[in-house]
Amino acid sequence: MVGITLTRGPQPRLTTSMDFPAAAPEILYLGDSTIAGVGAHNATVEAAIAAYLPPDIGAFRAINLARSGATTADVLLDQLPRANDIDPSLVIVGAGTNDARASAGPNRLLTDTTALLMLLRRRFPRALILHTGVAPIDVAPAVPSALRDGLRERVEALNGEVRIACVAANVCFLDIAARLRAQFDGDDTLFSSDRLHPSDAGYDLCARTIADEVQRATTLIA
């Protein structure tokens, strides 16, 4: 579940001198099933986002390396090495949701996310990098009601770690859980038939919000 607005409160200062999109008409997608588009039927995630991007961005080539089930460590170790030959202007990272369900030790997400974002910032110094945080999986219809409060606390705690990593790496943190929980909570039409991943309508909502954030972030950088 991607999508988003900048979180309120302290944010990393954007010091990059990115030239969007002239430097390189490429957008790199990294992450888990919601970036890969599991649950969508009529469009890919990158096509849905493209439909809402500002018109001045123009044409670009989308490279989506996300895969279902990926943790942040998987993005770092498996997906990022496959992006050696590209120079994107925009990088969208949607990871952490599978970390929320894994039995990793304390602060593991902070360690892995910091390493990933630091490497992304060094490799793509002029790119705008957006991290969408851990999705609000606690409101998915597939999650038993008895587990939702505890899972929500875990999601919020993990997003606190992602926020710290984003500040350290000078990356925008986009808190999808805080931004989209209310919209997805109780609206089954936003979920696919598996009752866990977004439906086409859910992805459309996320894509529209991500595109709005891209426009806002590029304005801040300019």
N, C-alpha and C. Protein backbone atom coordinates (compact mmCIF):
# COMPACT_ATOMS: atom_id res chain seq x y z
N MET A 1 0.84 -1.18 0.00
CA MET A 1 0.00 0.00 0.00
C MET A 1 0.88 1.23 0.00
N VAL A 2 1.01 1.74 -1.06
CA VAL A 2 1.84 2.91 -1.15
C VAL A 2 0.97 4.14 -1.27
N GLY A 3 1.56 5.33 -1.00
CA GLY A 3 0.83 6.48 -1.25
C GLY A 3 1.12 7.50 -0.26
N ILE A 4 0.66 8.81 -0.41
CA ILE A 4 1.31 9.41 0.69
C ILE A 4 1.33 10.92 0.76
N THR A 5 1.65 11.34 1.95
CA THR A 5 1.95 12.73 2.17
C THR A 5 3.14 12.79 3.09
N LEU A 6 3.85 13.89 3.09
CA LEU A 6 4.94 14.01 4.05
C LEU A 6 4.39 14.01 5.45
N THR A 7 5.11 13.37 6.38
CA THR A 7 4.67 13.36 7.76
C THR A 7 4.83 14.75 8.36
N ARG A 8 4.01 15.03 9.35
CA ARG A 8 4.15 16.28 10.07
C ARG A 8 5.29 16.15 11.06
N GLY A 9 5.84 17.28 11.48
CA GLY A 9 6.94 17.22 12.42
C GLY A 9 8.25 17.32 11.67
N PRO A 10 9.39 17.04 12.36
CA PRO A 10 10.71 17.20 11.77
C PRO A 10 10.87 16.35 10.52
N GLN A 11 11.44 16.94 9.49
CA GLN A 11 11.68 16.25 8.23
C GLN A 11 13.12 16.45 7.82
N PRO A 12 13.69 15.51 7.05
CA PRO A 12 15.04 15.70 6.56
C PRO A 12 15.09 16.90 5.63
N ARG A 13 16.13 17.69 5.72
CA ARG A 13 16.29 18.83 4.85
C ARG A 13 16.76 18.37 3.49
N LEU A 14 16.09 18.78 2.44
CA LEU A 14 16.43 18.34 1.10
C LEU A 14 17.55 19.20 0.55
N THR A 15 18.74 18.62 0.47
CA THR A 15 19.89 19.38 -0.01
C THR A 15 20.33 18.94 -1.40
N THR A 16 19.67 17.94 -1.95
CA THR A 16 20.04 17.46 -3.27
C THR A 16 19.75 18.52 -4.34
N SER A 17 20.53 18.50 -5.39
CA SER A 17 20.33 19.44 -6.50
C SER A 17 19.75 18.72 -7.71
N MET A 18 18.82 17.84 -7.45
CA MET A 18 18.25 17.00 -8.51
C MET A 18 17.67 17.82 -9.65
N ASP A 19 17.92 17.36 -10.86
CA ASP A 19 17.37 17.94 -12.07
C ASP A 19 16.26 17.01 -12.53
N PHE A 20 15.01 17.30 -12.23
CA PHE A 20 13.93 16.35 -12.56
C PHE A 20 13.10 16.92 -13.70
N PRO A 21 12.90 16.20 -14.78
CA PRO A 21 13.40 14.84 -15.03
C PRO A 21 14.57 14.81 -16.01
N ALA A 22 15.18 15.97 -16.31
CA ALA A 22 16.16 16.03 -17.38
C ALA A 22 17.39 15.16 -17.14
N ALA A 23 17.80 15.00 -15.87
CA ALA A 23 19.02 14.25 -15.59
C ALA A 23 18.92 12.82 -16.08
N ALA A 24 17.77 12.19 -15.90
CA ALA A 24 17.57 10.82 -16.37
C ALA A 24 16.10 10.49 -16.29
N PRO A 25 15.45 10.23 -17.42
CA PRO A 25 14.01 9.98 -17.41
C PRO A 25 13.67 8.56 -16.95
N GLU A 26 14.10 8.21 -15.75
CA GLU A 26 13.87 6.88 -15.21
C GLU A 26 13.34 6.98 -13.78
N ILE A 27 12.43 6.08 -13.45
CA ILE A 27 11.93 5.97 -12.09
C ILE A 27 12.18 4.55 -11.62
N LEU A 28 12.83 4.41 -10.48
CA LEU A 28 13.16 3.11 -9.93
C LEU A 28 12.21 2.78 -8.78
N TYR A 29 11.61 1.61 -8.83
CA TYR A 29 10.71 1.13 -7.79
C TYR A 29 11.36 -0.05 -7.08
N LEU A 30 11.44 0.00 -5.77
CA LEU A 30 12.00 -1.07 -4.96
C LEU A 30 11.04 -1.39 -3.83
N GLY A 31 10.94 -2.67 -3.46
CA GLY A 31 10.09 -2.96 -2.31
C GLY A 31 9.42 -4.30 -2.35
N ASP A 32 8.23 -4.34 -1.75
CA ASP A 32 7.52 -5.59 -1.53
C ASP A 32 6.31 -5.72 -2.45
N SER A 33 5.32 -6.51 -2.02
CA SER A 33 4.19 -6.85 -2.89
C SER A 33 3.36 -5.67 -3.32
N THR A 34 3.25 -4.66 -2.47
CA THR A 34 2.41 -3.52 -2.84
C THR A 34 3.07 -2.63 -3.87
N ILE A 35 4.39 -2.67 -3.98
CA ILE A 35 5.08 -1.98 -5.06
C ILE A 35 5.11 -2.86 -6.31
N ALA A 36 5.17 -4.16 -6.09
CA ALA A 36 5.12 -5.10 -7.23
C ALA A 36 3.72 -5.12 -7.85
N GLY A 37 2.70 -4.75 -7.08
CA GLY A 37 1.34 -4.67 -7.62
C GLY A 37 0.48 -5.88 -7.37
N VAL A 38 0.80 -6.68 -6.36
CA VAL A 38 -0.03 -7.83 -6.03
C VAL A 38 -1.44 -7.36 -5.67
N GLY A 39 -2.43 -7.93 -6.30
CA GLY A 39 -3.82 -7.55 -6.07
C GLY A 39 -4.41 -6.69 -7.15
N ALA A 40 -3.55 -6.05 -7.96
CA ALA A 40 -4.04 -5.21 -9.05
C ALA A 40 -4.38 -6.07 -10.25
N HIS A 41 -5.40 -5.67 -11.01
CA HIS A 41 -5.82 -6.42 -12.18
C HIS A 41 -5.73 -5.61 -13.48
N ASN A 42 -6.04 -4.33 -13.41
CA ASN A 42 -6.18 -3.55 -14.63
C ASN A 42 -4.98 -2.67 -14.97
N ALA A 43 -4.03 -2.53 -14.06
CA ALA A 43 -2.88 -1.67 -14.32
C ALA A 43 -1.75 -2.03 -13.38
N THR A 44 -0.54 -1.70 -13.79
CA THR A 44 0.60 -1.88 -12.90
C THR A 44 0.70 -0.68 -11.97
N VAL A 45 1.45 -0.83 -10.90
CA VAL A 45 1.64 0.26 -9.96
C VAL A 45 2.29 1.46 -10.65
N GLU A 46 3.32 1.19 -11.45
CA GLU A 46 4.02 2.30 -12.09
C GLU A 46 3.13 3.03 -13.10
N ALA A 47 2.25 2.29 -13.78
CA ALA A 47 1.33 2.94 -14.72
C ALA A 47 0.30 3.78 -13.98
N ALA A 48 -0.15 3.27 -12.82
CA ALA A 48 -1.12 4.02 -12.03
C ALA A 48 -0.52 5.33 -11.54
N ILE A 49 0.72 5.29 -11.09
CA ILE A 49 1.39 6.51 -10.63
C ILE A 49 1.62 7.46 -11.79
N ALA A 50 2.02 6.91 -12.93
CA ALA A 50 2.29 7.74 -14.11
C ALA A 50 1.06 8.55 -14.52
N ALA A 51 -0.11 7.99 -14.32
CA ALA A 51 -1.34 8.68 -14.72
C ALA A 51 -1.56 9.97 -13.94
N TYR A 52 -0.94 10.08 -12.77
CA TYR A 52 -1.14 11.26 -11.93
C TYR A 52 0.09 12.14 -11.79
N LEU A 53 1.19 11.78 -12.43
CA LEU A 53 2.39 12.60 -12.32
C LEU A 53 2.17 13.96 -12.99
N PRO A 54 2.82 15.01 -12.49
CA PRO A 54 2.68 16.33 -13.10
C PRO A 54 3.04 16.31 -14.58
N PRO A 55 2.32 17.03 -15.42
CA PRO A 55 2.57 16.98 -16.86
C PRO A 55 3.95 17.44 -17.27
N ASP A 56 4.60 18.30 -16.47
CA ASP A 56 5.92 18.79 -16.84
C ASP A 56 7.01 17.75 -16.67
N ILE A 57 6.69 16.63 -16.01
CA ILE A 57 7.69 15.58 -15.86
C ILE A 57 7.93 14.88 -17.19
N GLY A 58 6.90 14.73 -17.97
CA GLY A 58 7.06 14.14 -19.29
C GLY A 58 7.25 12.64 -19.25
N ALA A 59 7.78 12.09 -20.35
CA ALA A 59 7.94 10.64 -20.47
C ALA A 59 9.11 10.16 -19.61
N PHE A 60 9.03 8.92 -19.16
CA PHE A 60 10.10 8.32 -18.39
C PHE A 60 10.03 6.82 -18.58
N ARG A 61 11.07 6.13 -18.15
CA ARG A 61 11.10 4.68 -18.19
C ARG A 61 11.02 4.16 -16.77
N ALA A 62 10.05 3.30 -16.50
CA ALA A 62 9.87 2.75 -15.16
C ALA A 62 10.62 1.43 -15.03
N ILE A 63 11.39 1.30 -13.96
CA ILE A 63 12.09 0.06 -13.65
C ILE A 63 11.58 -0.43 -12.31
N ASN A 64 10.77 -1.48 -12.31
CA ASN A 64 10.18 -1.99 -11.08
C ASN A 64 10.85 -3.31 -10.71
N LEU A 65 11.65 -3.28 -9.65
CA LEU A 65 12.37 -4.46 -9.19
C LEU A 65 11.74 -5.08 -7.96
N ALA A 66 10.61 -4.55 -7.52
CA ALA A 66 9.96 -5.04 -6.30
C ALA A 66 9.45 -6.46 -6.49
N ARG A 67 9.34 -7.19 -5.39
CA ARG A 67 8.78 -8.54 -5.46
C ARG A 67 8.00 -8.84 -4.18
N SER A 68 7.05 -9.70 -4.32
CA SER A 68 6.20 -10.07 -3.20
C SER A 68 7.01 -10.78 -2.12
N GLY A 69 6.74 -10.43 -0.86
CA GLY A 69 7.38 -11.06 0.27
C GLY A 69 8.71 -10.46 0.68
N ALA A 70 9.19 -9.47 -0.05
CA ALA A 70 10.51 -8.91 0.23
C ALA A 70 10.53 -8.13 1.54
N THR A 71 11.57 -8.34 2.32
CA THR A 71 11.85 -7.53 3.49
C THR A 71 12.81 -6.41 3.08
N THR A 72 13.10 -5.51 4.00
CA THR A 72 14.05 -4.44 3.70
C THR A 72 15.43 -5.02 3.38
N ALA A 73 15.82 -6.07 4.09
CA ALA A 73 17.10 -6.72 3.80
C ALA A 73 17.12 -7.29 2.39
N ASP A 74 16.00 -7.83 1.93
CA ASP A 74 15.91 -8.35 0.57
C ASP A 74 16.08 -7.24 -0.46
N VAL A 75 15.49 -6.08 -0.19
CA VAL A 75 15.65 -4.94 -1.10
C VAL A 75 17.11 -4.55 -1.19
N LEU A 76 17.77 -4.50 -0.05
CA LEU A 76 19.17 -4.11 0.01
C LEU A 76 20.07 -5.12 -0.69
N LEU A 77 19.86 -6.39 -0.44
CA LEU A 77 20.78 -7.43 -0.90
C LEU A 77 20.44 -8.00 -2.27
N ASP A 78 19.15 -8.02 -2.64
CA ASP A 78 18.73 -8.66 -3.88
C ASP A 78 18.29 -7.69 -4.97
N GLN A 79 17.54 -6.65 -4.59
CA GLN A 79 16.98 -5.75 -5.60
C GLN A 79 17.94 -4.64 -6.02
N LEU A 80 18.54 -3.97 -5.05
CA LEU A 80 19.40 -2.85 -5.38
C LEU A 80 20.58 -3.24 -6.27
N PRO A 81 21.21 -4.39 -6.08
CA PRO A 81 22.31 -4.76 -6.98
C PRO A 81 21.88 -4.90 -8.44
N ARG A 82 20.60 -5.10 -8.69
CA ARG A 82 20.11 -5.23 -10.07
C ARG A 82 19.89 -3.87 -10.73
N ALA A 83 20.13 -2.79 -10.00
CA ALA A 83 19.91 -1.44 -10.53
C ALA A 83 21.22 -0.75 -10.86
N ASN A 84 22.25 -1.52 -11.15
CA ASN A 84 23.58 -0.94 -11.38
C ASN A 84 23.66 -0.09 -12.63
N ASP A 85 22.87 -0.38 -13.63
CA ASP A 85 23.04 0.27 -14.93
C ASP A 85 22.04 1.39 -15.19
N ILE A 86 21.38 1.88 -14.15
CA ILE A 86 20.42 2.96 -14.35
C ILE A 86 20.80 4.17 -13.50
N ASP A 87 20.22 5.31 -13.86
CA ASP A 87 20.49 6.56 -13.13
C ASP A 87 19.16 7.29 -12.96
N PRO A 88 18.32 6.84 -12.03
CA PRO A 88 16.97 7.39 -11.92
C PRO A 88 16.93 8.80 -11.34
N SER A 89 15.90 9.52 -11.73
CA SER A 89 15.62 10.83 -11.13
C SER A 89 14.74 10.68 -9.91
N LEU A 90 13.98 9.60 -9.84
CA LEU A 90 13.07 9.36 -8.73
C LEU A 90 13.19 7.90 -8.31
N VAL A 91 13.31 7.68 -7.00
CA VAL A 91 13.33 6.33 -6.45
C VAL A 91 12.20 6.22 -5.43
N ILE A 92 11.31 5.26 -5.62
CA ILE A 92 10.22 5.01 -4.68
C ILE A 92 10.48 3.68 -4.00
N VAL A 93 10.60 3.73 -2.68
CA VAL A 93 10.86 2.54 -1.87
C VAL A 93 9.63 2.24 -1.03
N GLY A 94 9.10 1.05 -1.17
CA GLY A 94 7.99 0.62 -0.33
C GLY A 94 8.35 -0.68 0.35
N ALA A 95 8.94 -0.60 1.53
CA ALA A 95 9.41 -1.79 2.23
C ALA A 95 9.22 -1.61 3.73
N GLY A 96 9.16 -2.74 4.43
CA GLY A 96 9.00 -2.70 5.88
C GLY A 96 7.79 -3.46 6.36
N THR A 97 6.81 -3.64 5.48
CA THR A 97 5.59 -4.34 5.87
C THR A 97 5.88 -5.79 6.22
N ASN A 98 6.72 -6.44 5.43
CA ASN A 98 7.07 -7.82 5.75
C ASN A 98 7.99 -7.91 6.97
N ASP A 99 8.74 -6.85 7.22
CA ASP A 99 9.53 -6.80 8.45
C ASP A 99 8.62 -6.78 9.67
N ALA A 100 7.45 -6.16 9.53
CA ALA A 100 6.51 -6.08 10.65
C ALA A 100 5.98 -7.44 11.04
N ARG A 101 5.95 -8.36 10.07
CA ARG A 101 5.43 -9.70 10.34
C ARG A 101 6.54 -10.70 10.62
N ALA A 102 7.79 -10.28 10.45
CA ALA A 102 8.92 -11.17 10.69
C ALA A 102 9.34 -11.11 12.16
N SER A 103 10.13 -12.08 12.57
CA SER A 103 10.56 -12.14 13.97
C SER A 103 11.98 -11.59 14.12
N ALA A 104 12.25 -10.49 13.43
CA ALA A 104 13.57 -9.88 13.51
C ALA A 104 13.79 -9.26 14.89
N GLY A 105 15.04 -9.13 15.27
CA GLY A 105 15.36 -8.57 16.57
C GLY A 105 15.09 -7.09 16.65
N PRO A 106 15.19 -6.51 17.85
CA PRO A 106 14.94 -5.08 18.05
C PRO A 106 15.86 -4.24 17.15
N ASN A 107 15.27 -3.21 16.57
CA ASN A 107 16.00 -2.25 15.73
C ASN A 107 16.55 -2.83 14.44
N ARG A 108 16.16 -4.04 14.08
CA ARG A 108 16.65 -4.61 12.83
C ARG A 108 16.18 -3.79 11.64
N LEU A 109 14.93 -3.34 11.66
CA LEU A 109 14.43 -2.54 10.54
C LEU A 109 15.19 -1.23 10.45
N LEU A 110 15.51 -0.62 11.59
CA LEU A 110 16.28 0.63 11.58
C LEU A 110 17.64 0.40 10.94
N THR A 111 18.31 -0.68 11.32
CA THR A 111 19.63 -0.99 10.78
C THR A 111 19.57 -1.22 9.28
N ASP A 112 18.62 -2.05 8.84
CA ASP A 112 18.52 -2.40 7.42
C ASP A 112 18.09 -1.20 6.58
N THR A 113 17.13 -0.42 7.09
CA THR A 113 16.64 0.73 6.33
C THR A 113 17.72 1.81 6.22
N THR A 114 18.44 2.04 7.30
CA THR A 114 19.53 3.02 7.25
C THR A 114 20.57 2.61 6.23
N ALA A 115 20.96 1.35 6.24
CA ALA A 115 21.96 0.87 5.27
C ALA A 115 21.45 1.03 3.84
N LEU A 116 20.18 0.67 3.60
CA LEU A 116 19.60 0.78 2.26
C LEU A 116 19.56 2.22 1.79
N LEU A 117 19.06 3.11 2.63
CA LEU A 117 18.88 4.50 2.20
C LEU A 117 20.21 5.23 2.07
N MET A 118 21.17 4.92 2.92
CA MET A 118 22.50 5.53 2.78
C MET A 118 23.12 5.12 1.45
N LEU A 119 22.98 3.85 1.10
CA LEU A 119 23.53 3.38 -0.17
C LEU A 119 22.81 4.01 -1.35
N LEU A 120 21.48 4.13 -1.26
CA LEU A 120 20.72 4.79 -2.33
C LEU A 120 21.15 6.23 -2.49
N ARG A 121 21.33 6.93 -1.38
CA ARG A 121 21.72 8.33 -1.45
C ARG A 121 23.11 8.50 -2.06
N ARG A 122 24.03 7.61 -1.73
CA ARG A 122 25.37 7.69 -2.31
C ARG A 122 25.36 7.33 -3.79
N ARG A 123 24.58 6.33 -4.15
CA ARG A 123 24.56 5.87 -5.54
C ARG A 123 23.80 6.83 -6.45
N PHE A 124 22.74 7.44 -5.92
CA PHE A 124 21.91 8.35 -6.73
C PHE A 124 21.82 9.71 -6.03
N PRO A 125 22.91 10.46 -5.99
CA PRO A 125 22.95 11.70 -5.19
C PRO A 125 21.99 12.79 -5.68
N ARG A 126 21.60 12.74 -6.94
CA ARG A 126 20.72 13.78 -7.48
C ARG A 126 19.27 13.36 -7.53
N ALA A 127 18.97 12.15 -7.12
CA ALA A 127 17.60 11.63 -7.22
C ALA A 127 16.75 12.08 -6.04
N LEU A 128 15.46 12.20 -6.30
CA LEU A 128 14.48 12.34 -5.23
C LEU A 128 14.13 10.92 -4.76
N ILE A 129 14.31 10.66 -3.48
CA ILE A 129 14.04 9.33 -2.92
C ILE A 129 12.88 9.44 -1.93
N LEU A 130 11.85 8.66 -2.15
CA LEU A 130 10.68 8.63 -1.27
C LEU A 130 10.56 7.24 -0.64
N HIS A 131 10.51 7.18 0.67
CA HIS A 131 10.25 5.92 1.36
C HIS A 131 8.83 5.97 1.91
N THR A 132 8.03 4.95 1.57
CA THR A 132 6.63 4.97 1.96
C THR A 132 6.34 4.33 3.31
N GLY A 133 7.36 3.82 3.98
CA GLY A 133 7.15 3.27 5.31
C GLY A 133 6.40 1.95 5.33
N VAL A 134 6.00 1.56 6.52
CA VAL A 134 5.27 0.31 6.72
C VAL A 134 3.79 0.57 6.51
N ALA A 135 3.16 -0.24 5.69
CA ALA A 135 1.74 -0.06 5.36
C ALA A 135 0.85 -0.36 6.56
N PRO A 136 -0.36 0.23 6.59
CA PRO A 136 -1.29 -0.03 7.70
C PRO A 136 -1.97 -1.38 7.56
N ILE A 137 -1.20 -2.44 7.67
CA ILE A 137 -1.74 -3.78 7.48
C ILE A 137 -2.72 -4.16 8.59
N ASP A 138 -2.71 -3.41 9.67
CA ASP A 138 -3.62 -3.72 10.78
C ASP A 138 -5.08 -3.55 10.41
N VAL A 139 -5.39 -2.77 9.37
CA VAL A 139 -6.79 -2.55 8.99
C VAL A 139 -7.24 -3.45 7.85
N ALA A 140 -6.36 -4.31 7.35
CA ALA A 140 -6.76 -5.22 6.27
C ALA A 140 -7.82 -6.19 6.77
N PRO A 141 -8.85 -6.45 5.96
CA PRO A 141 -9.91 -7.36 6.39
C PRO A 141 -9.42 -8.76 6.77
N ALA A 142 -8.27 -9.17 6.23
CA ALA A 142 -7.74 -10.50 6.54
C ALA A 142 -7.19 -10.60 7.95
N VAL A 143 -6.94 -9.47 8.59
CA VAL A 143 -6.36 -9.48 9.94
C VAL A 143 -7.47 -9.62 10.97
N PRO A 144 -7.43 -10.62 11.83
CA PRO A 144 -8.46 -10.79 12.87
C PRO A 144 -8.53 -9.56 13.78
N SER A 145 -9.73 -9.19 14.16
CA SER A 145 -9.92 -7.98 14.96
C SER A 145 -9.14 -8.03 16.27
N ALA A 146 -8.98 -9.22 16.84
CA ALA A 146 -8.27 -9.35 18.12
C ALA A 146 -6.79 -9.00 18.00
N LEU A 147 -6.26 -9.04 16.79
CA LEU A 147 -4.83 -8.78 16.59
C LEU A 147 -4.54 -7.35 16.14
N ARG A 148 -5.56 -6.60 15.84
CA ARG A 148 -5.34 -5.31 15.17
C ARG A 148 -4.65 -4.28 16.06
N ASP A 149 -5.04 -4.17 17.31
CA ASP A 149 -4.42 -3.15 18.16
C ASP A 149 -2.93 -3.40 18.33
N GLY A 150 -2.58 -4.65 18.58
CA GLY A 150 -1.16 -4.97 18.73
C GLY A 150 -0.38 -4.76 17.46
N LEU A 151 -0.97 -5.11 16.33
CA LEU A 151 -0.29 -4.95 15.06
C LEU A 151 -0.15 -3.47 14.72
N ARG A 152 -1.15 -2.69 15.05
CA ARG A 152 -1.04 -1.24 14.80
C ARG A 152 0.11 -0.64 15.61
N GLU A 153 0.25 -1.05 16.86
CA GLU A 153 1.35 -0.54 17.68
C GLU A 153 2.70 -0.92 17.07
N ARG A 154 2.78 -2.13 16.54
CA ARG A 154 4.04 -2.55 15.91
C ARG A 154 4.31 -1.74 14.65
N VAL A 155 3.29 -1.53 13.83
CA VAL A 155 3.47 -0.72 12.62
C VAL A 155 3.95 0.68 12.98
N GLU A 156 3.35 1.29 13.96
CA GLU A 156 3.74 2.64 14.35
C GLU A 156 5.16 2.68 14.90
N ALA A 157 5.54 1.66 15.66
CA ALA A 157 6.90 1.61 16.20
C ALA A 157 7.92 1.45 15.07
N LEU A 158 7.62 0.58 14.12
CA LEU A 158 8.54 0.38 13.00
C LEU A 158 8.64 1.62 12.12
N ASN A 159 7.54 2.33 11.95
CA ASN A 159 7.61 3.56 11.16
C ASN A 159 8.42 4.63 11.87
N GLY A 160 8.47 4.57 13.20
CA GLY A 160 9.37 5.46 13.92
C GLY A 160 10.82 5.18 13.58
N GLU A 161 11.15 3.90 13.39
CA GLU A 161 12.51 3.54 13.00
C GLU A 161 12.80 3.97 11.57
N VAL A 162 11.83 3.79 10.69
CA VAL A 162 12.02 4.22 9.30
C VAL A 162 12.23 5.72 9.24
N ARG A 163 11.49 6.46 10.04
CA ARG A 163 11.62 7.92 10.05
C ARG A 163 13.05 8.34 10.44
N ILE A 164 13.60 7.69 11.44
CA ILE A 164 14.96 7.99 11.87
C ILE A 164 15.95 7.71 10.74
N ALA A 165 15.78 6.59 10.06
CA ALA A 165 16.68 6.24 8.96
C ALA A 165 16.59 7.26 7.83
N CYS A 166 15.39 7.72 7.54
CA CYS A 166 15.21 8.71 6.47
C CYS A 166 15.89 10.02 6.80
N VAL A 167 15.78 10.46 8.03
CA VAL A 167 16.45 11.69 8.44
C VAL A 167 17.96 11.53 8.29
N ALA A 168 18.50 10.39 8.72
CA ALA A 168 19.94 10.16 8.64
C ALA A 168 20.45 10.16 7.21
N ALA A 169 19.63 9.67 6.28
CA ALA A 169 20.06 9.55 4.88
C ALA A 169 19.59 10.72 4.00
N ASN A 170 18.93 11.71 4.59
CA ASN A 170 18.43 12.85 3.82
C ASN A 170 17.44 12.39 2.75
N VAL A 171 16.48 11.58 3.19
CA VAL A 171 15.46 11.01 2.32
C VAL A 171 14.08 11.40 2.85
N CYS A 172 13.13 11.62 1.96
CA CYS A 172 11.76 11.94 2.37
C CYS A 172 11.07 10.71 2.95
N PHE A 173 10.49 10.88 4.12
CA PHE A 173 9.70 9.80 4.71
C PHE A 173 8.23 10.10 4.48
N LEU A 174 7.53 9.15 3.92
CA LEU A 174 6.13 9.30 3.59
C LEU A 174 5.35 8.26 4.40
N ASP A 175 4.69 8.69 5.43
CA ASP A 175 4.07 7.76 6.38
C ASP A 175 2.73 7.26 5.85
N ILE A 176 2.77 6.17 5.10
CA ILE A 176 1.55 5.68 4.49
C ILE A 176 0.53 5.19 5.53
N ALA A 177 1.03 4.67 6.62
CA ALA A 177 0.11 4.17 7.65
C ALA A 177 -0.70 5.32 8.23
N ALA A 178 -0.02 6.40 8.60
CA ALA A 178 -0.71 7.56 9.17
C ALA A 178 -1.61 8.23 8.13
N ARG A 179 -1.16 8.26 6.89
CA ARG A 179 -1.89 8.99 5.85
C ARG A 179 -3.10 8.23 5.32
N LEU A 180 -2.99 6.90 5.21
CA LEU A 180 -4.03 6.15 4.51
C LEU A 180 -4.86 5.23 5.38
N ARG A 181 -4.51 5.10 6.65
CA ARG A 181 -5.25 4.15 7.50
C ARG A 181 -6.75 4.47 7.53
N ALA A 182 -7.10 5.72 7.69
CA ALA A 182 -8.51 6.09 7.81
C ALA A 182 -9.28 5.76 6.53
N GLN A 183 -8.65 5.97 5.36
CA GLN A 183 -9.33 5.68 4.11
C GLN A 183 -9.54 4.18 3.91
N PHE A 184 -8.54 3.39 4.26
CA PHE A 184 -8.63 1.95 4.04
C PHE A 184 -9.43 1.22 5.12
N ASP A 185 -9.50 1.78 6.29
CA ASP A 185 -10.17 1.11 7.41
C ASP A 185 -11.67 1.01 7.14
N GLY A 186 -12.16 -0.20 7.02
CA GLY A 186 -13.60 -0.43 6.85
C GLY A 186 -14.10 -0.33 5.43
N ASP A 187 -13.23 0.00 4.47
CA ASP A 187 -13.67 0.11 3.07
C ASP A 187 -13.13 -1.10 2.31
N ASP A 188 -13.93 -2.13 2.22
CA ASP A 188 -13.49 -3.37 1.58
C ASP A 188 -13.23 -3.21 0.09
N THR A 189 -13.80 -2.18 -0.53
CA THR A 189 -13.58 -1.99 -1.97
C THR A 189 -12.14 -1.61 -2.28
N LEU A 190 -11.40 -1.16 -1.28
CA LEU A 190 -10.01 -0.77 -1.48
C LEU A 190 -9.05 -1.95 -1.35
N PHE A 191 -9.62 -3.13 -1.04
CA PHE A 191 -8.80 -4.34 -0.91
C PHE A 191 -9.16 -5.34 -2.00
N SER A 192 -8.17 -6.13 -2.40
CA SER A 192 -8.39 -7.15 -3.40
C SER A 192 -9.08 -8.36 -2.78
N SER A 193 -9.30 -9.38 -3.59
CA SER A 193 -10.02 -10.56 -3.12
C SER A 193 -9.28 -11.33 -2.03
N ASP A 194 -7.97 -11.11 -1.91
CA ASP A 194 -7.23 -11.79 -0.84
C ASP A 194 -7.40 -11.10 0.51
N ARG A 195 -8.10 -9.94 0.51
CA ARG A 195 -8.42 -9.19 1.74
C ARG A 195 -7.19 -8.68 2.46
N LEU A 196 -6.07 -8.57 1.73
CA LEU A 196 -4.83 -8.11 2.33
C LEU A 196 -4.16 -7.02 1.50
N HIS A 197 -4.09 -7.23 0.19
CA HIS A 197 -3.46 -6.26 -0.70
C HIS A 197 -4.50 -5.29 -1.28
N PRO A 198 -4.06 -4.13 -1.74
CA PRO A 198 -5.00 -3.19 -2.34
C PRO A 198 -5.64 -3.73 -3.61
N SER A 199 -6.84 -3.27 -3.87
CA SER A 199 -7.51 -3.53 -5.14
C SER A 199 -7.07 -2.48 -6.15
N ASP A 200 -7.62 -2.53 -7.36
CA ASP A 200 -7.33 -1.47 -8.32
C ASP A 200 -7.70 -0.10 -7.75
N ALA A 201 -8.83 -0.03 -7.08
CA ALA A 201 -9.25 1.24 -6.49
C ALA A 201 -8.29 1.67 -5.38
N GLY A 202 -7.80 0.71 -4.61
CA GLY A 202 -6.85 1.02 -3.56
C GLY A 202 -5.53 1.52 -4.11
N TYR A 203 -5.04 0.87 -5.15
CA TYR A 203 -3.81 1.32 -5.78
C TYR A 203 -3.98 2.70 -6.42
N ASP A 204 -5.16 2.94 -6.96
CA ASP A 204 -5.41 4.25 -7.56
C ASP A 204 -5.33 5.35 -6.52
N LEU A 205 -5.90 5.10 -5.34
CA LEU A 205 -5.83 6.07 -4.25
C LEU A 205 -4.37 6.32 -3.86
N CYS A 206 -3.61 5.25 -3.73
CA CYS A 206 -2.20 5.38 -3.35
C CYS A 206 -1.41 6.11 -4.43
N ALA A 207 -1.65 5.76 -5.68
CA ALA A 207 -0.92 6.37 -6.78
C ALA A 207 -1.18 7.86 -6.87
N ARG A 208 -2.42 8.25 -6.70
CA ARG A 208 -2.77 9.67 -6.76
C ARG A 208 -2.05 10.45 -5.67
N THR A 209 -1.96 9.87 -4.48
CA THR A 209 -1.32 10.55 -3.36
C THR A 209 0.19 10.61 -3.55
N ILE A 210 0.77 9.55 -4.07
CA ILE A 210 2.21 9.55 -4.34
C ILE A 210 2.56 10.60 -5.38
N ALA A 211 1.79 10.69 -6.44
CA ALA A 211 2.06 11.67 -7.49
C ALA A 211 1.96 13.09 -6.95
N ASP A 212 0.99 13.35 -6.10
CA ASP A 212 0.88 14.66 -5.47
C ASP A 212 2.14 14.97 -4.65
N GLU A 213 2.66 13.95 -3.97
CA GLU A 213 3.85 14.15 -3.16
C GLU A 213 5.09 14.37 -4.00
N VAL A 214 5.18 13.71 -5.15
CA VAL A 214 6.29 13.95 -6.04
C VAL A 214 6.32 15.41 -6.48
N GLN A 215 5.17 15.93 -6.83
CA GLN A 215 5.09 17.33 -7.25
C GLN A 215 5.49 18.26 -6.12
N ARG A 216 5.01 17.97 -4.92
CA ARG A 216 5.34 18.82 -3.77
C ARG A 216 6.84 18.76 -3.47
N ALA A 217 7.40 17.56 -3.49
CA ALA A 217 8.81 17.40 -3.16
C ALA A 217 9.72 18.07 -4.18
N THR A 218 9.40 17.96 -5.46
CA THR A 218 10.22 18.60 -6.48
C THR A 218 10.13 20.12 -6.36
N THR A 219 9.01 20.63 -5.92
CA THR A 219 8.87 22.07 -5.69
C THR A 219 9.76 22.50 -4.53
N LEU A 220 9.82 21.70 -3.48
CA LEU A 220 10.67 22.02 -2.33
C LEU A 220 12.15 22.03 -2.73
N ILE A 221 12.53 21.06 -3.58
CA ILE A 221 13.92 21.00 -4.01
C ILE A 221 14.28 22.18 -4.89
N ALA A 222 13.35 22.54 -5.78
CA ALA A 222 13.62 23.67 -6.68
C ALA A 222 13.80 24.96 -5.92
